[in-house]
Amino acid sequence: MLFNRNRLRKKKDFEKVLKEGKSFREDSLVLKIKKNKLQEVRFGFIVSQKVSKKAVIRNKVKRRLREAVKEEINKIRKGFDIILISLPSIKGKDFQEIKTTIKKLFNKAKILSL
């Protein structure tokens, strides 16, 4: 589980990132990113009913995304709001594939600290 300080919670924060953020797409994930004025990196996750009508499966996908991000969070530069949007094809992916896709997205967005 991510710490509270690393979570996007408010609707207006989500809307701001979705509206003004830069997009990167890789395989079955879309990354939206926007700079913030905080000294933390904050994440939000969107798994729509297009992925699955069953909440159990959507929640499983969210848990996998959170865990993959948690493992990489220390390598990310501070001061970003990030939303990961899953596409329907993510349902068939295992945890390692999701982790690899997230790493590729972070590299594309150039948000990893050296």
PDB file of N, CA and C in Angstrom:
ATOM      1  N   MET A   1       0.837  -1.182   0.000  1.00  0.00           N
ATOM      2  CA  MET A   1       0.000   0.000   0.000  1.00  0.00           C
ATOM      3  C   MET A   1       0.882   1.245   0.000  1.00  0.00           C
ATOM      4  N   LEU A   2       0.501   2.220  -0.797  1.00  0.00           N
ATOM      5  CA  LEU A   2       1.237   3.479  -0.846  1.00  0.00           C
ATOM      6  C   LEU A   2       0.910   4.335   0.366  1.00  0.00           C
ATOM      7  N   PHE A   3       1.877   5.139   0.801  1.00  0.00           N
ATOM      8  CA  PHE A   3       1.620   6.066   1.889  1.00  0.00           C
ATOM      9  C   PHE A   3       0.594   7.111   1.444  1.00  0.00           C
ATOM     10  N   ASN A   4      -0.126   7.680   2.405  1.00  0.00           N
ATOM     11  CA  ASN A   4      -1.114   8.706   2.089  1.00  0.00           C
ATOM     12  C   ASN A   4      -0.506   9.881   1.341  1.00  0.00           C
ATOM     13  N   ARG A   5       0.723  10.249   1.697  1.00  0.00           N
ATOM     14  CA  ARG A   5       1.358  11.398   1.054  1.00  0.00           C
ATOM     15  C   ARG A   5       1.686  11.123  -0.413  1.00  0.00           C
ATOM     16  N   ASN A   6       1.666   9.857  -0.819  1.00  0.00           N
ATOM     17  CA  ASN A   6       1.962   9.481  -2.202  1.00  0.00           C
ATOM     18  C   ASN A   6       0.718   9.136  -3.011  1.00  0.00           C
ATOM     19  N   ARG A   7      -0.452   9.547  -2.527  1.00  0.00           N
ATOM     20  CA  ARG A   7      -1.695   9.232  -3.233  1.00  0.00           C
ATOM     21  C   ARG A   7      -2.388  10.494  -3.701  1.00  0.00           C
ATOM     22  N   LEU A   8      -2.918  10.443  -4.904  1.00  0.00           N
ATOM     23  CA  LEU A   8      -3.817  11.490  -5.376  1.00  0.00           C
ATOM     24  C   LEU A   8      -5.201  11.130  -4.862  1.00  0.00           C
ATOM     25  N   ARG A   9      -5.839  12.027  -4.172  1.00  0.00           N
ATOM     26  CA  ARG A   9      -7.131  11.719  -3.562  1.00  0.00           C
ATOM     27  C   ARG A   9      -8.269  12.566  -4.103  1.00  0.00           C
ATOM     28  N   LYS A  10      -8.003  13.850  -4.292  1.00  0.00           N
ATOM     29  CA  LYS A  10      -9.080  14.792  -4.608  1.00  0.00           C
ATOM     30  C   LYS A  10      -9.432  14.772  -6.088  1.00  0.00           C
ATOM     31  N   LYS A  11     -10.718  14.946  -6.345  1.00  0.00           N
ATOM     32  CA  LYS A  11     -11.220  14.940  -7.708  1.00  0.00           C
ATOM     33  C   LYS A  11     -10.580  16.044  -8.541  1.00  0.00           C
ATOM     34  N   LYS A  12     -10.390  17.234  -7.939  1.00  0.00           N
ATOM     35  CA  LYS A  12      -9.808  18.350  -8.694  1.00  0.00           C
ATOM     36  C   LYS A  12      -8.360  18.065  -9.082  1.00  0.00           C
ATOM     37  N   ASP A  13      -7.629  17.320  -8.233  1.00  0.00           N
ATOM     38  CA  ASP A  13      -6.252  16.939  -8.580  1.00  0.00           C
ATOM     39  C   ASP A  13      -6.236  15.977  -9.767  1.00  0.00           C
ATOM     40  N   PHE A  14      -7.145  15.003  -9.748  1.00  0.00           N
ATOM     41  CA  PHE A  14      -7.263  14.065 -10.863  1.00  0.00           C
ATOM     42  C   PHE A  14      -7.595  14.821 -12.149  1.00  0.00           C
ATOM     43  N   GLU A  15      -8.586  15.716 -12.064  1.00  0.00           N
ATOM     44  CA  GLU A  15      -9.021  16.457 -13.249  1.00  0.00           C
ATOM     45  C   GLU A  15      -7.905  17.315 -13.817  1.00  0.00           C
ATOM     46  N   LYS A  16      -7.117  17.940 -12.931  1.00  0.00           N
ATOM     47  CA  LYS A  16      -6.019  18.797 -13.374  1.00  0.00           C
ATOM     48  C   LYS A  16      -4.974  17.983 -14.132  1.00  0.00           C
ATOM     49  N   VAL A  17      -4.622  16.818 -13.609  1.00  0.00           N
ATOM     50  CA  VAL A  17      -3.629  15.971 -14.279  1.00  0.00           C
ATOM     51  C   VAL A  17      -4.186  15.455 -15.605  1.00  0.00           C
ATOM     52  N   LEU A  18      -5.430  15.021 -15.612  1.00  0.00           N
ATOM     53  CA  LEU A  18      -6.028  14.489 -16.839  1.00  0.00           C
ATOM     54  C   LEU A  18      -6.142  15.562 -17.914  1.00  0.00           C
ATOM     55  N   LYS A  19      -6.461  16.785 -17.507  1.00  0.00           N
ATOM     56  CA  LYS A  19      -6.665  17.869 -18.465  1.00  0.00           C
ATOM     57  C   LYS A  19      -5.350  18.471 -18.957  1.00  0.00           C
ATOM     58  N   GLU A  20      -4.417  18.709 -18.044  1.00  0.00           N
ATOM     59  CA  GLU A  20      -3.209  19.453 -18.382  1.00  0.00           C
ATOM     60  C   GLU A  20      -1.949  18.590 -18.509  1.00  0.00           C
ATOM     61  N   GLY A  21      -2.032  17.330 -18.113  1.00  0.00           N
ATOM     62  CA  GLY A  21      -0.832  16.488 -18.073  1.00  0.00           C
ATOM     63  C   GLY A  21      -0.404  15.965 -19.426  1.00  0.00           C
ATOM     64  N   LYS A  22       0.879  15.571 -19.507  1.00  0.00           N
ATOM     65  CA  LYS A  22       1.416  14.931 -20.703  1.00  0.00           C
ATOM     66  C   LYS A  22       1.097  13.442 -20.651  1.00  0.00           C
ATOM     67  N   SER A  23       0.858  12.848 -21.810  1.00  0.00           N
ATOM     68  CA  SER A  23       0.504  11.431 -21.894  1.00  0.00           C
ATOM     69  C   SER A  23       1.621  10.606 -22.505  1.00  0.00           C
ATOM     70  N   PHE A  24       1.750   9.406 -21.983  1.00  0.00           N
ATOM     71  CA  PHE A  24       2.664   8.407 -22.531  1.00  0.00           C
ATOM     72  C   PHE A  24       1.920   7.086 -22.525  1.00  0.00           C
ATOM     73  N   ARG A  25       2.053   6.326 -23.631  1.00  0.00           N
ATOM     74  CA  ARG A  25       1.343   5.052 -23.709  1.00  0.00           C
ATOM     75  C   ARG A  25       2.342   3.933 -23.983  1.00  0.00           C
ATOM     76  N   GLU A  26       2.120   2.829 -23.317  1.00  0.00           N
ATOM     77  CA  GLU A  26       2.958   1.651 -23.491  1.00  0.00           C
ATOM     78  C   GLU A  26       2.101   0.424 -23.255  1.00  0.00           C
ATOM     79  N   ASP A  27       1.966  -0.420 -24.261  1.00  0.00           N
ATOM     80  CA  ASP A  27       1.265  -1.691 -24.135  1.00  0.00           C
ATOM     81  C   ASP A  27      -0.158  -1.497 -23.595  1.00  0.00           C
ATOM     82  N   SER A  28      -0.402  -1.829 -22.338  1.00  0.00           N
ATOM     83  CA  SER A  28      -1.763  -1.800 -21.799  1.00  0.00           C
ATOM     84  C   SER A  28      -1.948  -0.721 -20.730  1.00  0.00           C
ATOM     85  N   LEU A  29      -1.045   0.272 -20.705  1.00  0.00           N
ATOM     86  CA  LEU A  29      -1.137   1.350 -19.718  1.00  0.00           C
ATOM     87  C   LEU A  29      -0.922   2.707 -20.369  1.00  0.00           C
ATOM     88  N   VAL A  30      -1.586   3.712 -19.808  1.00  0.00           N
ATOM     89  CA  VAL A  30      -1.378   5.100 -20.196  1.00  0.00           C
ATOM     90  C   VAL A  30      -0.913   5.842 -18.952  1.00  0.00           C
ATOM     91  N   LEU A  31       0.124   6.653 -19.104  1.00  0.00           N
ATOM     92  CA  LEU A  31       0.660   7.437 -17.995  1.00  0.00           C
ATOM     93  C   LEU A  31       0.371   8.906 -18.275  1.00  0.00           C
ATOM     94  N   LYS A  32      -0.274   9.582 -17.337  1.00  0.00           N
ATOM     95  CA  LYS A  32      -0.500  11.026 -17.407  1.00  0.00           C
ATOM     96  C   LYS A  32       0.338  11.639 -16.309  1.00  0.00           C
ATOM     97  N   ILE A  33       1.083  12.690 -16.645  1.00  0.00           N
ATOM     98  CA  ILE A  33       2.003  13.267 -15.679  1.00  0.00           C
ATOM     99  C   ILE A  33       1.936  14.787 -15.720  1.00  0.00           C
ATOM    100  N   LYS A  34       1.993  15.389 -14.540  1.00  0.00           N
ATOM    101  CA  LYS A  34       1.988  16.845 -14.420  1.00  0.00           C
ATOM    102  C   LYS A  34       2.834  17.231 -13.217  1.00  0.00           C
ATOM    103  N   LYS A  35       3.604  18.298 -13.364  1.00  0.00           N
ATOM    104  CA  LYS A  35       4.406  18.787 -12.234  1.00  0.00           C
ATOM    105  C   LYS A  35       3.493  19.348 -11.157  1.00  0.00           C
ATOM    106  N   ASN A  36       3.904  19.165  -9.897  1.00  0.00           N
ATOM    107  CA  ASN A  36       3.206  19.806  -8.785  1.00  0.00           C
ATOM    108  C   ASN A  36       4.209  20.625  -7.997  1.00  0.00           C
ATOM    109  N   LYS A  37       3.749  21.383  -7.045  1.00  0.00           N
ATOM    110  CA  LYS A  37       4.641  22.244  -6.266  1.00  0.00           C
ATOM    111  C   LYS A  37       5.007  21.606  -4.929  1.00  0.00           C
ATOM    112  N   LEU A  38       4.795  20.317  -4.808  1.00  0.00           N
ATOM    113  CA  LEU A  38       5.069  19.604  -3.567  1.00  0.00           C
ATOM    114  C   LEU A  38       6.424  18.903  -3.640  1.00  0.00           C
ATOM    115  N   GLN A  39       6.907  18.462  -2.509  1.00  0.00           N
ATOM    116  CA  GLN A  39       8.163  17.717  -2.462  1.00  0.00           C
ATOM    117  C   GLN A  39       7.903  16.207  -2.442  1.00  0.00           C
ATOM    118  N   GLU A  40       6.767  15.816  -2.942  1.00  0.00           N
ATOM    119  CA  GLU A  40       6.390  14.401  -3.007  1.00  0.00           C
ATOM    120  C   GLU A  40       5.919  14.074  -4.415  1.00  0.00           C
ATOM    121  N   VAL A  41       5.978  12.811  -4.741  1.00  0.00           N
ATOM    122  CA  VAL A  41       5.378  12.325  -5.968  1.00  0.00           C
ATOM    123  C   VAL A  41       4.070  11.664  -5.559  1.00  0.00           C
ATOM    124  N   ARG A  42       2.983  11.982  -6.282  1.00  0.00           N
ATOM    125  CA  ARG A  42       1.668  11.431  -5.929  1.00  0.00           C
ATOM    126  C   ARG A  42       1.114  10.633  -7.108  1.00  0.00           C
ATOM    127  N   PHE A  43       0.488   9.512  -6.788  1.00  0.00           N
ATOM    128  CA  PHE A  43      -0.045   8.612  -7.804  1.00  0.00           C
ATOM    129  C   PHE A  43      -1.549   8.448  -7.669  1.00  0.00           C
ATOM    130  N   GLY A  44      -2.193   8.291  -8.815  1.00  0.00           N
ATOM    131  CA  GLY A  44      -3.598   7.919  -8.885  1.00  0.00           C
ATOM    132  C   GLY A  44      -3.716   6.788  -9.902  1.00  0.00           C
ATOM    133  N   PHE A  45      -4.737   5.969  -9.733  1.00  0.00           N
ATOM    134  CA  PHE A  45      -4.928   4.822 -10.618  1.00  0.00           C
ATOM    135  C   PHE A  45      -6.360   4.814 -11.117  1.00  0.00           C
ATOM    136  N   ILE A  46      -6.528   4.579 -12.427  1.00  0.00           N
ATOM    137  CA  ILE A  46      -7.861   4.490 -13.014  1.00  0.00           C
ATOM    138  C   ILE A  46      -7.981   3.144 -13.709  1.00  0.00           C
ATOM    139  N   VAL A  47      -8.939   2.356 -13.243  1.00  0.00           N
ATOM    140  CA  VAL A  47      -9.254   1.074 -13.869  1.00  0.00           C
ATOM    141  C   VAL A  47     -10.756   1.083 -14.109  1.00  0.00           C
ATOM    142  N   SER A  48     -11.146   1.311 -15.354  1.00  0.00           N
ATOM    143  CA  SER A  48     -12.561   1.497 -15.661  1.00  0.00           C
ATOM    144  C   SER A  48     -13.283   0.162 -15.863  1.00  0.00           C
ATOM    145  N   GLN A  49     -14.576   0.250 -16.047  1.00  0.00           N
ATOM    146  CA  GLN A  49     -15.373  -0.951 -16.273  1.00  0.00           C
ATOM    147  C   GLN A  49     -15.111  -1.551 -17.643  1.00  0.00           C
ATOM    148  N   LYS A  50     -14.398  -0.835 -18.496  1.00  0.00           N
ATOM    149  CA  LYS A  50     -14.004  -1.416 -19.781  1.00  0.00           C
ATOM    150  C   LYS A  50     -12.999  -2.549 -19.573  1.00  0.00           C
ATOM    151  N   VAL A  51     -12.230  -2.470 -18.491  1.00  0.00           N
ATOM    152  CA  VAL A  51     -11.280  -3.538 -18.168  1.00  0.00           C
ATOM    153  C   VAL A  51     -12.053  -4.787 -17.775  1.00  0.00           C
ATOM    154  N   SER A  52     -13.033  -4.618 -16.877  1.00  0.00           N
ATOM    155  CA  SER A  52     -13.891  -5.730 -16.467  1.00  0.00           C
ATOM    156  C   SER A  52     -15.124  -5.170 -15.764  1.00  0.00           C
ATOM    157  N   LYS A  53     -16.228  -5.827 -15.949  1.00  0.00           N
ATOM    158  CA  LYS A  53     -17.449  -5.425 -15.237  1.00  0.00           C
ATOM    159  C   LYS A  53     -17.372  -5.840 -13.771  1.00  0.00           C
ATOM    160  N   LYS A  54     -16.500  -6.804 -13.473  1.00  0.00           N
ATOM    161  CA  LYS A  54     -16.399  -7.325 -12.110  1.00  0.00           C
ATOM    162  C   LYS A  54     -15.429  -6.493 -11.283  1.00  0.00           C
ATOM    163  N   ALA A  55     -15.898  -5.991 -10.145  1.00  0.00           N
ATOM    164  CA  ALA A  55     -15.078  -5.166  -9.261  1.00  0.00           C
ATOM    165  C   ALA A  55     -13.880  -5.940  -8.728  1.00  0.00           C
ATOM    166  N   VAL A  56     -14.034  -7.236  -8.547  1.00  0.00           N
ATOM    167  CA  VAL A  56     -12.948  -8.067  -8.027  1.00  0.00           C
ATOM    168  C   VAL A  56     -11.736  -7.992  -8.954  1.00  0.00           C
ATOM    169  N   ILE A  57     -11.969  -8.072 -10.243  1.00  0.00           N
ATOM    170  CA  ILE A  57     -10.875  -8.032 -11.216  1.00  0.00           C
ATOM    171  C   ILE A  57     -10.276  -6.634 -11.292  1.00  0.00           C
ATOM    172  N   ARG A  58     -11.131  -5.601 -11.289  1.00  0.00           N
ATOM    173  CA  ARG A  58     -10.622  -4.220 -11.320  1.00  0.00           C
ATOM    174  C   ARG A  58      -9.759  -3.934 -10.096  1.00  0.00           C
ATOM    175  N   ASN A  59     -10.189  -4.390  -8.936  1.00  0.00           N
ATOM    176  CA  ASN A  59      -9.423  -4.180  -7.709  1.00  0.00           C
ATOM    177  C   ASN A  59      -8.094  -4.937  -7.747  1.00  0.00           C
ATOM    178  N   LYS A  60      -8.104  -6.127  -8.317  1.00  0.00           N
ATOM    179  CA  LYS A  60      -6.876  -6.912  -8.456  1.00  0.00           C
ATOM    180  C   LYS A  60      -5.867  -6.168  -9.329  1.00  0.00           C
ATOM    181  N   VAL A  61      -6.346  -5.590 -10.421  1.00  0.00           N
ATOM    182  CA  VAL A  61      -5.480  -4.811 -11.304  1.00  0.00           C
ATOM    183  C   VAL A  61      -4.908  -3.613 -10.545  1.00  0.00           C
ATOM    184  N   LYS A  62      -5.748  -2.920  -9.786  1.00  0.00           N
ATOM    185  CA  LYS A  62      -5.286  -1.761  -9.009  1.00  0.00           C
ATOM    186  C   LYS A  62      -4.228  -2.166  -7.981  1.00  0.00           C
ATOM    187  N   ARG A  63      -4.434  -3.287  -7.310  1.00  0.00           N
ATOM    188  CA  ARG A  63      -3.452  -3.757  -6.323  1.00  0.00           C
ATOM    189  C   ARG A  63      -2.111  -4.040  -6.990  1.00  0.00           C
ATOM    190  N   ARG A  64      -2.155  -4.664  -8.160  1.00  0.00           N
ATOM    191  CA  ARG A  64      -0.915  -4.958  -8.885  1.00  0.00           C
ATOM    192  C   ARG A  64      -0.212  -3.668  -9.303  1.00  0.00           C
ATOM    193  N   LEU A  65      -0.981  -2.698  -9.792  1.00  0.00           N
ATOM    194  CA  LEU A  65      -0.392  -1.426 -10.190  1.00  0.00           C
ATOM    195  C   LEU A  65       0.245  -0.723  -8.993  1.00  0.00           C
ATOM    196  N   ARG A  66      -0.469  -0.691  -7.873  1.00  0.00           N
ATOM    197  CA  ARG A  66       0.059  -0.036  -6.665  1.00  0.00           C
ATOM    198  C   ARG A  66       1.355  -0.688  -6.205  1.00  0.00           C
ATOM    199  N   GLU A  67       1.386  -2.008  -6.211  1.00  0.00           N
ATOM    200  CA  GLU A  67       2.572  -2.724  -5.749  1.00  0.00           C
ATOM    201  C   GLU A  67       3.755  -2.481  -6.683  1.00  0.00           C
ATOM    202  N   ALA A  68       3.508  -2.471  -7.983  1.00  0.00           N
ATOM    203  CA  ALA A  68       4.587  -2.223  -8.948  1.00  0.00           C
ATOM    204  C   ALA A  68       5.132  -0.803  -8.785  1.00  0.00           C
ATOM    205  N   VAL A  69       4.265   0.159  -8.540  1.00  0.00           N
ATOM    206  CA  VAL A  69       4.692   1.545  -8.333  1.00  0.00           C
ATOM    207  C   VAL A  69       5.446   1.673  -7.019  1.00  0.00           C
ATOM    208  N   LYS A  70       4.977   0.979  -5.999  1.00  0.00           N
ATOM    209  CA  LYS A  70       5.615   1.044  -4.677  1.00  0.00           C
ATOM    210  C   LYS A  70       7.082   0.616  -4.751  1.00  0.00           C
ATOM    211  N   GLU A  71       7.373  -0.371  -5.582  1.00  0.00           N
ATOM    212  CA  GLU A  71       8.741  -0.855  -5.733  1.00  0.00           C
ATOM    213  C   GLU A  71       9.635   0.153  -6.459  1.00  0.00           C
ATOM    214  N   GLU A  72       9.040   1.036  -7.262  1.00  0.00           N
ATOM    215  CA  GLU A  72       9.807   1.996  -8.059  1.00  0.00           C
ATOM    216  C   GLU A  72       9.770   3.414  -7.493  1.00  0.00           C
ATOM    217  N   ILE A  73       8.986   3.667  -6.472  1.00  0.00           N
ATOM    218  CA  ILE A  73       8.713   5.038  -6.025  1.00  0.00           C
ATOM    219  C   ILE A  73       9.955   5.775  -5.546  1.00  0.00           C
ATOM    220  N   ASN A  74      10.916   5.082  -4.990  1.00  0.00           N
ATOM    221  CA  ASN A  74      12.132   5.738  -4.508  1.00  0.00           C
ATOM    222  C   ASN A  74      13.042   6.198  -5.640  1.00  0.00           C
ATOM    223  N   LYS A  75      12.835   5.669  -6.835  1.00  0.00           N
ATOM    224  CA  LYS A  75      13.666   6.024  -7.986  1.00  0.00           C
ATOM    225  C   LYS A  75      13.095   7.200  -8.785  1.00  0.00           C
ATOM    226  N   ILE A  76      11.908   7.655  -8.414  1.00  0.00           N
ATOM    227  CA  ILE A  76      11.224   8.702  -9.171  1.00  0.00           C
ATOM    228  C   ILE A  76      11.548  10.069  -8.588  1.00  0.00           C
ATOM    229  N   ARG A  77      11.798  11.041  -9.489  1.00  0.00           N
ATOM    230  CA  ARG A  77      12.063  12.400  -9.037  1.00  0.00           C
ATOM    231  C   ARG A  77      10.828  12.976  -8.355  1.00  0.00           C
ATOM    232  N   LYS A  78      11.049  13.819  -7.365  1.00  0.00           N
ATOM    233  CA  LYS A  78       9.951  14.406  -6.590  1.00  0.00           C
ATOM    234  C   LYS A  78       9.291  15.538  -7.380  1.00  0.00           C
ATOM    235  N   GLY A  79       8.048  15.835  -7.018  1.00  0.00           N
ATOM    236  CA  GLY A  79       7.359  16.984  -7.601  1.00  0.00           C
ATOM    237  C   GLY A  79       6.485  16.665  -8.794  1.00  0.00           C
ATOM    238  N   PHE A  80       5.919  15.458  -8.847  1.00  0.00           N
ATOM    239  CA  PHE A  80       5.042  15.083  -9.946  1.00  0.00           C
ATOM    240  C   PHE A  80       3.737  14.492  -9.428  1.00  0.00           C
ATOM    241  N   ASP A  81       2.658  14.770 -10.144  1.00  0.00           N
ATOM    242  CA  ASP A  81       1.402  14.049  -9.966  1.00  0.00           C
ATOM    243  C   ASP A  81       1.290  13.111 -11.162  1.00  0.00           C
ATOM    244  N   ILE A  82       1.032  11.840 -10.891  1.00  0.00           N
ATOM    245  CA  ILE A  82       1.036  10.829 -11.940  1.00  0.00           C
ATOM    246  C   ILE A  82      -0.237   9.999 -11.846  1.00  0.00           C
ATOM    247  N   ILE A  83      -0.876   9.774 -12.988  1.00  0.00           N
ATOM    248  CA  ILE A  83      -2.042   8.887 -13.055  1.00  0.00           C
ATOM    249  C   ILE A  83      -1.726   7.762 -14.027  1.00  0.00           C
ATOM    250  N   LEU A  84      -1.969   6.545 -13.588  1.00  0.00           N
ATOM    251  CA  LEU A  84      -1.835   5.369 -14.445  1.00  0.00           C
ATOM    252  C   LEU A  84      -3.238   4.907 -14.820  1.00  0.00           C
ATOM    253  N   ILE A  85      -3.507   4.879 -16.117  1.00  0.00           N
ATOM    254  CA  ILE A  85      -4.817   4.469 -16.625  1.00  0.00           C
ATOM    255  C   ILE A  85      -4.635   3.122 -17.314  1.00  0.00           C
ATOM    256  N   SER A  86      -5.405   2.141 -16.876  1.00  0.00           N
ATOM    257  CA  SER A  86      -5.265   0.808 -17.465  1.00  0.00           C
ATOM    258  C   SER A  86      -6.216   0.649 -18.647  1.00  0.00           C
ATOM    259  N   LEU A  87      -5.760  -0.078 -19.639  1.00  0.00           N
ATOM    260  CA  LEU A  87      -6.554  -0.398 -20.816  1.00  0.00           C
ATOM    261  C   LEU A  87      -7.057  -1.836 -20.680  1.00  0.00           C
ATOM    262  N   PRO A  88      -8.102  -2.199 -21.411  1.00  0.00           N
ATOM    263  CA  PRO A  88      -8.683  -3.538 -21.244  1.00  0.00           C
ATOM    264  C   PRO A  88      -7.713  -4.704 -21.400  1.00  0.00           C
ATOM    265  N   SER A  89      -6.654  -4.538 -22.164  1.00  0.00           N
ATOM    266  CA  SER A  89      -5.716  -5.646 -22.381  1.00  0.00           C
ATOM    267  C   SER A  89      -4.873  -5.976 -21.151  1.00  0.00           C
ATOM    268  N   ILE A  90      -4.944  -5.161 -20.100  1.00  0.00           N
ATOM    269  CA  ILE A  90      -4.146  -5.411 -18.896  1.00  0.00           C
ATOM    270  C   ILE A  90      -4.647  -6.635 -18.133  1.00  0.00           C
ATOM    271  N   LYS A  91      -5.888  -6.999 -18.366  1.00  0.00           N
ATOM    272  CA  LYS A  91      -6.497  -8.111 -17.643  1.00  0.00           C
ATOM    273  C   LYS A  91      -5.699  -9.410 -17.777  1.00  0.00           C
ATOM    274  N   GLY A  92      -5.127  -9.639 -18.944  1.00  0.00           N
ATOM    275  CA  GLY A  92      -4.404 -10.879 -19.187  1.00  0.00           C
ATOM    276  C   GLY A  92      -2.939 -10.854 -18.786  1.00  0.00           C
ATOM    277  N   LYS A  93      -2.459  -9.741 -18.258  1.00  0.00           N
ATOM    278  CA  LYS A  93      -1.038  -9.601 -17.920  1.00  0.00           C
ATOM    279  C   LYS A  93      -0.760 -10.102 -16.508  1.00  0.00           C
ATOM    280  N   ASP A  94       0.421 -10.675 -16.325  1.00  0.00           N
ATOM    281  CA  ASP A  94       0.820 -11.042 -14.968  1.00  0.00           C
ATOM    282  C   ASP A  94       1.614  -9.891 -14.347  1.00  0.00           C
ATOM    283  N   PHE A  95       1.977 -10.033 -13.090  1.00  0.00           N
ATOM    284  CA  PHE A  95       2.600  -8.946 -12.332  1.00  0.00           C
ATOM    285  C   PHE A  95       3.924  -8.491 -12.953  1.00  0.00           C
ATOM    286  N   GLN A  96       4.740  -9.427 -13.409  1.00  0.00           N
ATOM    287  CA  GLN A  96       6.042  -9.071 -13.990  1.00  0.00           C
ATOM    288  C   GLN A  96       5.885  -8.242 -15.260  1.00  0.00           C
ATOM    289  N   GLU A  97       4.902  -8.590 -16.077  1.00  0.00           N
ATOM    290  CA  GLU A  97       4.660  -7.824 -17.306  1.00  0.00           C
ATOM    291  C   GLU A  97       4.196  -6.406 -16.980  1.00  0.00           C
ATOM    292  N   ILE A  98       3.352  -6.283 -15.970  1.00  0.00           N
ATOM    293  CA  ILE A  98       2.880  -4.962 -15.545  1.00  0.00           C
ATOM    294  C   ILE A  98       4.052  -4.133 -15.031  1.00  0.00           C
ATOM    295  N   LYS A  99       4.906  -4.749 -14.236  1.00  0.00           N
ATOM    296  CA  LYS A  99       6.075  -4.067 -13.683  1.00  0.00           C
ATOM    297  C   LYS A  99       7.002  -3.566 -14.802  1.00  0.00           C
ATOM    298  N   THR A 100       7.243  -4.402 -15.785  1.00  0.00           N
ATOM    299  CA  THR A 100       8.089  -4.030 -16.918  1.00  0.00           C
ATOM    300  C   THR A 100       7.474  -2.868 -17.694  1.00  0.00           C
ATOM    301  N   THR A 101       6.181  -2.919 -17.922  1.00  0.00           N
ATOM    302  CA  THR A 101       5.493  -1.852 -18.644  1.00  0.00           C
ATOM    303  C   THR A 101       5.596  -0.527 -17.889  1.00  0.00           C
ATOM    304  N   ILE A 102       5.434  -0.569 -16.570  1.00  0.00           N
ATOM    305  CA  ILE A 102       5.527   0.647 -15.768  1.00  0.00           C
ATOM    306  C   ILE A 102       6.939   1.226 -15.835  1.00  0.00           C
ATOM    307  N   LYS A 103       7.960   0.374 -15.769  1.00  0.00           N
ATOM    308  CA  LYS A 103       9.339   0.858 -15.886  1.00  0.00           C
ATOM    309  C   LYS A 103       9.575   1.531 -17.226  1.00  0.00           C
ATOM    310  N   LYS A 104       9.052   0.928 -18.305  1.00  0.00           N
ATOM    311  CA  LYS A 104       9.191   1.519 -19.638  1.00  0.00           C
ATOM    312  C   LYS A 104       8.521   2.887 -19.699  1.00  0.00           C
ATOM    313  N   LEU A 105       7.330   2.994 -19.090  1.00  0.00           N
ATOM    314  CA  LEU A 105       6.619   4.270 -19.075  1.00  0.00           C
ATOM    315  C   LEU A 105       7.400   5.335 -18.321  1.00  0.00           C
ATOM    316  N   PHE A 106       7.953   4.975 -17.179  1.00  0.00           N
ATOM    317  CA  PHE A 106       8.735   5.928 -16.393  1.00  0.00           C
ATOM    318  C   PHE A 106       9.967   6.394 -17.176  1.00  0.00           C
ATOM    319  N   ASN A 107      10.596   5.476 -17.907  1.00  0.00           N
ATOM    320  CA  ASN A 107      11.742   5.848 -18.737  1.00  0.00           C
ATOM    321  C   ASN A 107      11.329   6.779 -19.870  1.00  0.00           C
ATOM    322  N   LYS A 108      10.195   6.492 -20.502  1.00  0.00           N
ATOM    323  CA  LYS A 108       9.685   7.336 -21.576  1.00  0.00           C
ATOM    324  C   LYS A 108       9.411   8.753 -21.082  1.00  0.00           C
ATOM    325  N   ALA A 109       8.833   8.847 -19.891  1.00  0.00           N
ATOM    326  CA  ALA A 109       8.469  10.142 -19.321  1.00  0.00           C
ATOM    327  C   ALA A 109       9.676  10.874 -18.726  1.00  0.00           C
ATOM    328  N   LYS A 110      10.801  10.175 -18.629  1.00  0.00           N
ATOM    329  CA  LYS A 110      12.046  10.742 -18.066  1.00  0.00           C
ATOM    330  C   LYS A 110      11.841  11.296 -16.662  1.00  0.00           C
ATOM    331  N   ILE A 111      11.213  10.505 -15.810  1.00  0.00           N
ATOM    332  CA  ILE A 111      10.986  10.942 -14.430  1.00  0.00           C
ATOM    333  C   ILE A 111      11.821  10.157 -13.425  1.00  0.00           C
ATOM    334  N   LEU A 112      12.617   9.206 -13.906  1.00  0.00           N
ATOM    335  CA  LEU A 112      13.478   8.450 -13.001  1.00  0.00           C
ATOM    336  C   LEU A 112      14.711   9.273 -12.684  1.00  0.00           C
ATOM    337  N   SER A 113      15.089   9.304 -11.409  1.00  0.00           N
ATOM    338  CA  SER A 113      16.312  10.001 -11.024  1.00  0.00           C
ATOM    339  C   SER A 113      17.500   9.079 -11.280  1.00  0.00           C
ATOM    340  N   LEU A 114      18.612   9.657 -11.628  1.00  0.00           N
ATOM    341  CA  LEU A 114      19.770   8.849 -12.008  1.00  0.00           C
ATOM    342  C   LEU A 114      20.543   8.331 -10.841  1.00  0.00           C
TER     343      LEU A 114
END
